[in-house]
PDB file of N, CA and C in Angstrom:
ATOM      1  N   UNK A   1     -13.935 -26.926  -4.243  1.00  0.00           N
ATOM      2  CA  UNK A   1     -13.582 -27.460  -2.821  1.00  0.00           C
ATOM      3  C   UNK A   1     -12.207 -27.335  -2.668  1.00  0.00           C
ATOM      4  N   UNK A   2     -11.830 -26.936  -1.438  1.00  0.00           N
ATOM      5  CA  UNK A   2     -10.423 -26.938  -1.054  1.00  0.00           C
ATOM      6  C   UNK A   2      -9.888 -28.346  -0.705  1.00  0.00           C
ATOM      7  N   UNK A   3      -8.687 -28.611  -1.322  1.00  0.00           N
ATOM      8  CA  UNK A   3      -8.134 -29.958  -1.094  1.00  0.00           C
ATOM      9  C   UNK A   3      -7.914 -30.214   0.457  1.00  0.00           C
ATOM     10  N   UNK A   4      -8.265 -31.443   0.807  1.00  0.00           N
ATOM     11  CA  UNK A   4      -8.097 -31.798   2.289  1.00  0.00           C
ATOM     12  C   UNK A   4      -9.152 -31.172   3.260  1.00  0.00           C
ATOM     13  N   UNK A   5     -10.078 -30.415   2.695  1.00  0.00           N
ATOM     14  CA  UNK A   5     -11.106 -29.859   3.502  1.00  0.00           C
ATOM     15  C   UNK A   5     -12.381 -30.623   3.313  1.00  0.00           C
ATOM     16  N   UNK A   6     -13.227 -30.785   4.274  1.00  0.00           N
ATOM     17  CA  UNK A   6     -14.387 -31.538   4.262  1.00  0.00           C
ATOM     18  C   UNK A   6     -15.748 -30.552   4.024  1.00  0.00           C
ATOM     19  N   UNK A   7     -16.423 -30.879   2.964  1.00  0.00           N
ATOM     20  CA  UNK A   7     -17.593 -30.073   2.727  1.00  0.00           C
ATOM     21  C   UNK A   7     -18.715 -30.576   3.568  1.00  0.00           C
ATOM     22  N   UNK A   8     -19.386 -29.602   4.232  1.00  0.00           N
ATOM     23  CA  UNK A   8     -20.547 -29.952   5.035  1.00  0.00           C
ATOM     24  C   UNK A   8     -21.592 -28.992   4.810  1.00  0.00           C
ATOM     25  N   UNK A   9     -22.758 -29.349   5.299  1.00  0.00           N
ATOM     26  CA  UNK A   9     -23.948 -28.585   5.353  1.00  0.00           C
ATOM     27  C   UNK A   9     -24.704 -28.632   6.710  1.00  0.00           C
ATOM     28  N   UNK A  10     -25.380 -27.490   6.916  1.00  0.00           N
ATOM     29  CA  UNK A  10     -26.213 -27.541   8.246  1.00  0.00           C
ATOM     30  C   UNK A  10     -27.509 -27.001   7.911  1.00  0.00           C
ATOM     31  N   UNK A  11     -28.637 -27.502   8.456  1.00  0.00           N
ATOM     32  CA  UNK A  11     -29.895 -27.094   8.110  1.00  0.00           C
ATOM     33  C   UNK A  11     -30.313 -26.127   9.187  1.00  0.00           C
ATOM     34  N   UNK A  12     -30.838 -24.940   8.813  1.00  0.00           N
ATOM     35  CA  UNK A  12     -31.363 -23.906   9.606  1.00  0.00           C
ATOM     36  C   UNK A  12     -32.965 -23.683   9.231  1.00  0.00           C
ATOM     37  N   UNK A  13     -33.782 -24.276  10.108  1.00  0.00           N
ATOM     38  CA  UNK A  13     -35.215 -24.367   9.794  1.00  0.00           C
ATOM     39  C   UNK A  13     -35.287 -25.152   8.445  1.00  0.00           C
ATOM     40  N   UNK A  14     -35.754 -24.527   7.256  1.00  0.00           N
ATOM     41  CA  UNK A  14     -35.875 -25.222   6.087  1.00  0.00           C
ATOM     42  C   UNK A  14     -34.775 -24.961   5.134  1.00  0.00           C
ATOM     43  N   UNK A  15     -33.642 -24.035   5.482  1.00  0.00           N
ATOM     44  CA  UNK A  15     -32.717 -23.638   4.573  1.00  0.00           C
ATOM     45  C   UNK A  15     -31.304 -24.402   4.907  1.00  0.00           C
ATOM     46  N   UNK A  16     -30.436 -24.318   4.034  1.00  0.00           N
ATOM     47  CA  UNK A  16     -29.120 -24.975   4.196  1.00  0.00           C
ATOM     48  C   UNK A  16     -27.986 -24.009   4.073  1.00  0.00           C
ATOM     49  N   UNK A  17     -27.105 -24.083   5.040  1.00  0.00           N
ATOM     50  CA  UNK A  17     -25.787 -23.371   4.925  1.00  0.00           C
ATOM     51  C   UNK A  17     -24.645 -24.356   4.573  1.00  0.00           C
ATOM     52  N   UNK A  18     -23.809 -24.001   3.728  1.00  0.00           N
ATOM     53  CA  UNK A  18     -22.595 -24.858   3.158  1.00  0.00           C
ATOM     54  C   UNK A  18     -21.347 -24.276   3.745  1.00  0.00           C
ATOM     55  N   UNK A  19     -20.543 -25.187   4.127  1.00  0.00           N
ATOM     56  CA  UNK A  19     -19.118 -24.704   4.722  1.00  0.00           C
ATOM     57  C   UNK A  19     -18.090 -25.818   4.455  1.00  0.00           C
ATOM     58  N   UNK A  20     -16.838 -25.549   4.364  1.00  0.00           N
ATOM     59  CA  UNK A  20     -15.800 -26.448   4.495  1.00  0.00           C
ATOM     60  C   UNK A  20     -14.900 -26.330   5.689  1.00  0.00           C
ATOM     61  N   UNK A  21     -14.330 -27.359   6.220  1.00  0.00           N
ATOM     62  CA  UNK A  21     -13.618 -27.307   7.469  1.00  0.00           C
ATOM     63  C   UNK A  21     -12.499 -28.287   7.344  1.00  0.00           C
ATOM     64  N   UNK A  22     -11.399 -27.869   8.052  1.00  0.00           N
ATOM     65  CA  UNK A  22     -10.204 -28.807   8.163  1.00  0.00           C
ATOM     66  C   UNK A  22      -9.244 -28.242   9.276  1.00  0.00           C
ATOM     67  N   UNK A  23      -8.323 -28.978   9.758  1.00  0.00           N
ATOM     68  CA  UNK A  23      -7.325 -28.657  10.755  1.00  0.00           C
ATOM     69  C   UNK A  23      -7.604 -28.884  12.058  1.00  0.00           C
ATOM     70  N   UNK A  24      -6.742 -28.451  12.946  1.00  0.00           N
ATOM     71  CA  UNK A  24      -6.768 -28.617  14.483  1.00  0.00           C
ATOM     72  C   UNK A  24      -6.355 -27.353  14.917  1.00  0.00           C
ATOM     73  N   UNK A  25      -6.548 -27.152  16.168  1.00  0.00           N
ATOM     74  CA  UNK A  25      -6.157 -25.941  16.872  1.00  0.00           C
ATOM     75  C   UNK A  25      -7.276 -24.824  16.989  1.00  0.00           C
ATOM     76  N   UNK A  26      -6.884 -23.665  17.337  1.00  0.00           N
ATOM     77  CA  UNK A  26      -7.830 -22.492  17.405  1.00  0.00           C
ATOM     78  C   UNK A  26      -8.574 -22.397  16.059  1.00  0.00           C
ATOM     79  N   UNK A  27      -9.888 -22.143  16.182  1.00  0.00           N
ATOM     80  CA  UNK A  27     -10.783 -21.961  14.952  1.00  0.00           C
ATOM     81  C   UNK A  27     -10.639 -20.597  14.368  1.00  0.00           C
ATOM     82  N   UNK A  28     -10.460 -20.545  13.048  1.00  0.00           N
ATOM     83  CA  UNK A  28     -10.535 -19.291  12.212  1.00  0.00           C
ATOM     84  C   UNK A  28     -11.646 -19.473  11.180  1.00  0.00           C
ATOM     85  N   UNK A  29     -12.666 -18.489  11.408  1.00  0.00           N
ATOM     86  CA  UNK A  29     -13.934 -18.570  10.535  1.00  0.00           C
ATOM     87  C   UNK A  29     -13.600 -17.582   9.397  1.00  0.00           C
ATOM     88  N   UNK A  30     -13.670 -18.103   8.294  1.00  0.00           N
ATOM     89  CA  UNK A  30     -13.437 -17.105   7.074  1.00  0.00           C
ATOM     90  C   UNK A  30     -14.790 -16.951   6.276  1.00  0.00           C
ATOM     91  N   UNK A  31     -15.237 -15.765   6.278  1.00  0.00           N
ATOM     92  CA  UNK A  31     -16.489 -15.395   5.627  1.00  0.00           C
ATOM     93  C   UNK A  31     -16.235 -14.446   4.453  1.00  0.00           C
ATOM     94  N   UNK A  32     -16.684 -14.715   3.254  1.00  0.00           N
ATOM     95  CA  UNK A  32     -16.465 -13.762   2.168  1.00  0.00           C
ATOM     96  C   UNK A  32     -17.290 -12.539   2.273  1.00  0.00           C
ATOM     97  N   UNK A  33     -16.997 -11.535   1.481  1.00  0.00           N
ATOM     98  CA  UNK A  33     -17.797 -10.239   1.485  1.00  0.00           C
ATOM     99  C   UNK A  33     -18.962 -10.536   0.522  1.00  0.00           C
ATOM    100  N   UNK A  34     -19.904  -9.614   0.667  1.00  0.00           N
ATOM    101  CA  UNK A  34     -21.173  -9.843   0.015  1.00  0.00           C
ATOM    102  C   UNK A  34     -20.861  -9.880  -1.380  1.00  0.00           C
ATOM    103  N   UNK A  35     -21.486 -10.931  -2.161  1.00  0.00           N
ATOM    104  CA  UNK A  35     -21.275 -11.069  -3.537  1.00  0.00           C
ATOM    105  C   UNK A  35     -20.208 -12.183  -3.950  1.00  0.00           C
ATOM    106  N   UNK A  36     -19.243 -12.462  -2.905  1.00  0.00           N
ATOM    107  CA  UNK A  36     -18.244 -13.404  -3.072  1.00  0.00           C
ATOM    108  C   UNK A  36     -18.596 -14.751  -2.494  1.00  0.00           C
ATOM    109  N   UNK A  37     -17.831 -15.769  -2.814  1.00  0.00           N
ATOM    110  CA  UNK A  37     -18.024 -17.073  -2.393  1.00  0.00           C
ATOM    111  C   UNK A  37     -16.958 -17.589  -1.533  1.00  0.00           C
ATOM    112  N   UNK A  38     -17.079 -18.670  -0.831  1.00  0.00           N
ATOM    113  CA  UNK A  38     -16.102 -19.280   0.079  1.00  0.00           C
ATOM    114  C   UNK A  38     -14.781 -19.674  -0.716  1.00  0.00           C
ATOM    115  N   UNK A  39     -14.935 -19.705  -1.978  1.00  0.00           N
ATOM    116  CA  UNK A  39     -13.695 -20.096  -2.762  1.00  0.00           C
ATOM    117  C   UNK A  39     -12.693 -18.902  -2.791  1.00  0.00           C
ATOM    118  N   UNK A  40     -13.082 -17.794  -2.284  1.00  0.00           N
ATOM    119  CA  UNK A  40     -12.157 -16.716  -2.100  1.00  0.00           C
ATOM    120  C   UNK A  40     -11.004 -17.039  -1.242  1.00  0.00           C
ATOM    121  N   UNK A  41     -11.222 -18.121  -0.437  1.00  0.00           N
ATOM    122  CA  UNK A  41     -10.183 -18.572   0.531  1.00  0.00           C
ATOM    123  C   UNK A  41      -9.425 -19.824   0.123  1.00  0.00           C
ATOM    124  N   UNK A  42      -9.598 -20.170  -1.130  1.00  0.00           N
ATOM    125  CA  UNK A  42      -8.931 -21.485  -1.612  1.00  0.00           C
ATOM    126  C   UNK A  42      -7.406 -21.374  -1.353  1.00  0.00           C
ATOM    127  N   UNK A  43      -6.795 -20.262  -1.490  1.00  0.00           N
ATOM    128  CA  UNK A  43      -5.343 -20.235  -1.381  1.00  0.00           C
ATOM    129  C   UNK A  43      -4.897 -19.967   0.201  1.00  0.00           C
ATOM    130  N   UNK A  44      -5.650 -19.205   0.831  1.00  0.00           N
ATOM    131  CA  UNK A  44      -5.214 -18.755   2.219  1.00  0.00           C
ATOM    132  C   UNK A  44      -5.636 -19.906   3.192  1.00  0.00           C
ATOM    133  N   UNK A  45      -6.805 -20.630   3.058  1.00  0.00           N
ATOM    134  CA  UNK A  45      -7.195 -21.481   4.024  1.00  0.00           C
ATOM    135  C   UNK A  45      -6.233 -22.728   4.292  1.00  0.00           C
ATOM    136  N   UNK A  46      -5.594 -23.308   3.212  1.00  0.00           N
ATOM    137  CA  UNK A  46      -4.662 -24.348   3.324  1.00  0.00           C
ATOM    138  C   UNK A  46      -3.406 -23.791   4.201  1.00  0.00           C
ATOM    139  N   UNK A  47      -3.078 -22.721   3.928  1.00  0.00           N
ATOM    140  CA  UNK A  47      -1.890 -22.008   4.592  1.00  0.00           C
ATOM    141  C   UNK A  47      -2.050 -21.982   6.066  1.00  0.00           C
ATOM    142  N   UNK A  48      -3.406 -21.486   6.515  1.00  0.00           N
ATOM    143  CA  UNK A  48      -3.820 -21.391   7.798  1.00  0.00           C
ATOM    144  C   UNK A  48      -3.774 -22.700   8.555  1.00  0.00           C
ATOM    145  N   UNK A  49      -4.249 -23.795   7.861  1.00  0.00           N
ATOM    146  CA  UNK A  49      -4.267 -25.105   8.423  1.00  0.00           C
ATOM    147  C   UNK A  49      -2.844 -25.610   8.601  1.00  0.00           C
ATOM    148  N   UNK A  50      -1.969 -25.258   7.702  1.00  0.00           N
ATOM    149  CA  UNK A  50      -0.494 -25.716   7.857  1.00  0.00           C
ATOM    150  C   UNK A  50       0.110 -24.876   8.909  1.00  0.00           C
ATOM    151  N   UNK A  51      -0.351 -23.799   9.225  1.00  0.00           N
ATOM    152  CA  UNK A  51       0.200 -22.975  10.390  1.00  0.00           C
ATOM    153  C   UNK A  51      -0.350 -23.508  11.760  1.00  0.00           C
ATOM    154  N   UNK A  52      -1.315 -24.440  11.762  1.00  0.00           N
ATOM    155  CA  UNK A  52      -1.827 -24.991  12.937  1.00  0.00           C
ATOM    156  C   UNK A  52      -3.230 -24.714  13.489  1.00  0.00           C
ATOM    157  N   UNK A  53      -3.861 -24.075  12.518  1.00  0.00           N
ATOM    158  CA  UNK A  53      -5.345 -23.664  12.895  1.00  0.00           C
ATOM    159  C   UNK A  53      -6.272 -24.594  12.313  1.00  0.00           C
ATOM    160  N   UNK A  54      -7.480 -24.693  12.943  1.00  0.00           N
ATOM    161  CA  UNK A  54      -8.669 -25.255  12.407  1.00  0.00           C
ATOM    162  C   UNK A  54      -9.426 -24.144  11.595  1.00  0.00           C
ATOM    163  N   UNK A  55      -9.756 -24.278  10.332  1.00  0.00           N
ATOM    164  CA  UNK A  55     -10.310 -23.352   9.451  1.00  0.00           C
ATOM    165  C   UNK A  55     -11.647 -23.713   8.876  1.00  0.00           C
ATOM    166  N   UNK A  56     -12.635 -22.818   9.070  1.00  0.00           N
ATOM    167  CA  UNK A  56     -13.874 -23.030   8.454  1.00  0.00           C
ATOM    168  C   UNK A  56     -14.112 -21.963   7.465  1.00  0.00           C
ATOM    169  N   UNK A  57     -14.509 -22.262   6.189  1.00  0.00           N
ATOM    170  CA  UNK A  57     -14.824 -21.290   5.178  1.00  0.00           C
ATOM    171  C   UNK A  57     -16.363 -21.517   4.738  1.00  0.00           C
ATOM    172  N   UNK A  58     -17.048 -20.467   4.788  1.00  0.00           N
ATOM    173  CA  UNK A  58     -18.602 -20.760   4.602  1.00  0.00           C
ATOM    174  C   UNK A  58     -19.074 -19.722   3.455  1.00  0.00           C
ATOM    175  N   UNK A  59     -20.129 -20.215   2.809  1.00  0.00           N
ATOM    176  CA  UNK A  59     -20.853 -19.447   1.879  1.00  0.00           C
ATOM    177  C   UNK A  59     -21.861 -18.631   2.820  1.00  0.00           C
ATOM    178  N   UNK A  60     -22.201 -17.396   2.389  1.00  0.00           N
ATOM    179  CA  UNK A  60     -23.186 -16.540   3.053  1.00  0.00           C
ATOM    180  C   UNK A  60     -24.631 -17.001   2.506  1.00  0.00           C
ATOM    181  N   UNK A  61     -25.605 -16.628   3.157  1.00  0.00           N
ATOM    182  CA  UNK A  61     -26.964 -17.008   2.812  1.00  0.00           C
ATOM    183  C   UNK A  61     -27.255 -16.532   1.316  1.00  0.00           C
ATOM    184  N   UNK A  62     -27.760 -17.439   0.554  1.00  0.00           N
ATOM    185  CA  UNK A  62     -28.174 -17.033  -0.806  1.00  0.00           C
ATOM    186  C   UNK A  62     -26.953 -17.076  -1.768  1.00  0.00           C
ATOM    187  N   UNK A  63     -25.801 -17.469  -1.304  1.00  0.00           N
ATOM    188  CA  UNK A  63     -24.608 -17.597  -2.228  1.00  0.00           C
ATOM    189  C   UNK A  63     -23.976 -18.983  -2.296  1.00  0.00           C
ATOM    190  N   UNK A  64     -23.393 -19.201  -3.418  1.00  0.00           N
ATOM    191  CA  UNK A  64     -22.640 -20.477  -3.562  1.00  0.00           C
ATOM    192  C   UNK A  64     -23.527 -21.682  -3.326  1.00  0.00           C
ATOM    193  N   UNK A  65     -23.156 -22.595  -2.447  1.00  0.00           N
ATOM    194  CA  UNK A  65     -23.841 -23.899  -2.237  1.00  0.00           C
ATOM    195  C   UNK A  65     -24.823 -23.738  -1.100  1.00  0.00           C
ATOM    196  N   UNK A  66     -25.018 -22.454  -0.583  1.00  0.00           N
ATOM    197  CA  UNK A  66     -25.981 -22.266   0.456  1.00  0.00           C
ATOM    198  C   UNK A  66     -27.370 -21.880  -0.245  1.00  0.00           C
ATOM    199  N   UNK A  67     -28.460 -22.372   0.443  1.00  0.00           N
ATOM    200  CA  UNK A  67     -29.791 -22.199  -0.262  1.00  0.00           C
ATOM    201  C   UNK A  67     -30.211 -20.792  -0.424  1.00  0.00           C
ATOM    202  N   UNK A  68     -31.080 -20.415  -1.134  1.00  0.00           N
ATOM    203  CA  UNK A  68     -31.496 -19.116  -1.539  1.00  0.00           C
ATOM    204  C   UNK A  68     -32.883 -18.760  -1.072  1.00  0.00           C
ATOM    205  N   UNK A  69     -33.600 -19.603  -0.333  1.00  0.00           N
ATOM    206  CA  UNK A  69     -34.951 -19.217   0.017  1.00  0.00           C
ATOM    207  C   UNK A  69     -35.093 -18.552   1.369  1.00  0.00           C
ATOM    208  N   UNK A  70     -34.111 -17.892   1.897  1.00  0.00           N
ATOM    209  CA  UNK A  70     -34.191 -17.275   3.189  1.00  0.00           C
ATOM    210  C   UNK A  70     -35.157 -16.263   3.305  1.00  0.00           C
ATOM    211  N   UNK A  71     -36.012 -16.236   4.280  1.00  0.00           N
ATOM    212  CA  UNK A  71     -37.028 -15.055   4.532  1.00  0.00           C
ATOM    213  C   UNK A  71     -36.360 -13.660   4.649  1.00  0.00           C
ATOM    214  N   UNK A  72     -35.159 -13.676   5.303  1.00  0.00           N
ATOM    215  CA  UNK A  72     -34.654 -12.441   5.601  1.00  0.00           C
ATOM    216  C   UNK A  72     -32.942 -12.643   5.420  1.00  0.00           C
ATOM    217  N   UNK A  73     -32.355 -11.609   5.006  1.00  0.00           N
ATOM    218  CA  UNK A  73     -31.059 -11.629   4.915  1.00  0.00           C
ATOM    219  C   UNK A  73     -30.220 -10.565   5.844  1.00  0.00           C
ATOM    220  N   UNK A  74     -31.027 -10.096   6.844  1.00  0.00           N
ATOM    221  CA  UNK A  74     -30.495  -9.103   7.671  1.00  0.00           C
ATOM    222  C   UNK A  74     -29.576  -9.758   8.822  1.00  0.00           C
ATOM    223  N   UNK A  75     -28.860  -8.977   9.539  1.00  0.00           N
ATOM    224  CA  UNK A  75     -27.977  -9.552  10.659  1.00  0.00           C
ATOM    225  C   UNK A  75     -28.693 -10.264  11.784  1.00  0.00           C
ATOM    226  N   UNK A  76     -29.817  -9.797  12.265  1.00  0.00           N
ATOM    227  CA  UNK A  76     -30.559 -10.606  13.350  1.00  0.00           C
ATOM    228  C   UNK A  76     -30.923 -11.910  12.877  1.00  0.00           C
ATOM    229  N   UNK A  77     -31.304 -12.079  11.492  1.00  0.00           N
ATOM    230  CA  UNK A  77     -31.805 -13.378  11.066  1.00  0.00           C
ATOM    231  C   UNK A  77     -30.565 -14.415  10.984  1.00  0.00           C
TER     232      UNK A  77
END
């Protein structure tokens, strides 16, 4: 978990998405590449908050703290 970031989850049907969020200002959404986790942004995200942005880092479906039971992993889903 990134210091000073709040870990949250959101339910989508029966599955869970995990993300961390902090800061104020314009939102920057940080999504890792396939096979990576939100922790890829542990160094960058605090710097973006310090620069005045609100930053959200999220795990992709089936990765990290996000649940793995999704019926589909394609873009429309």
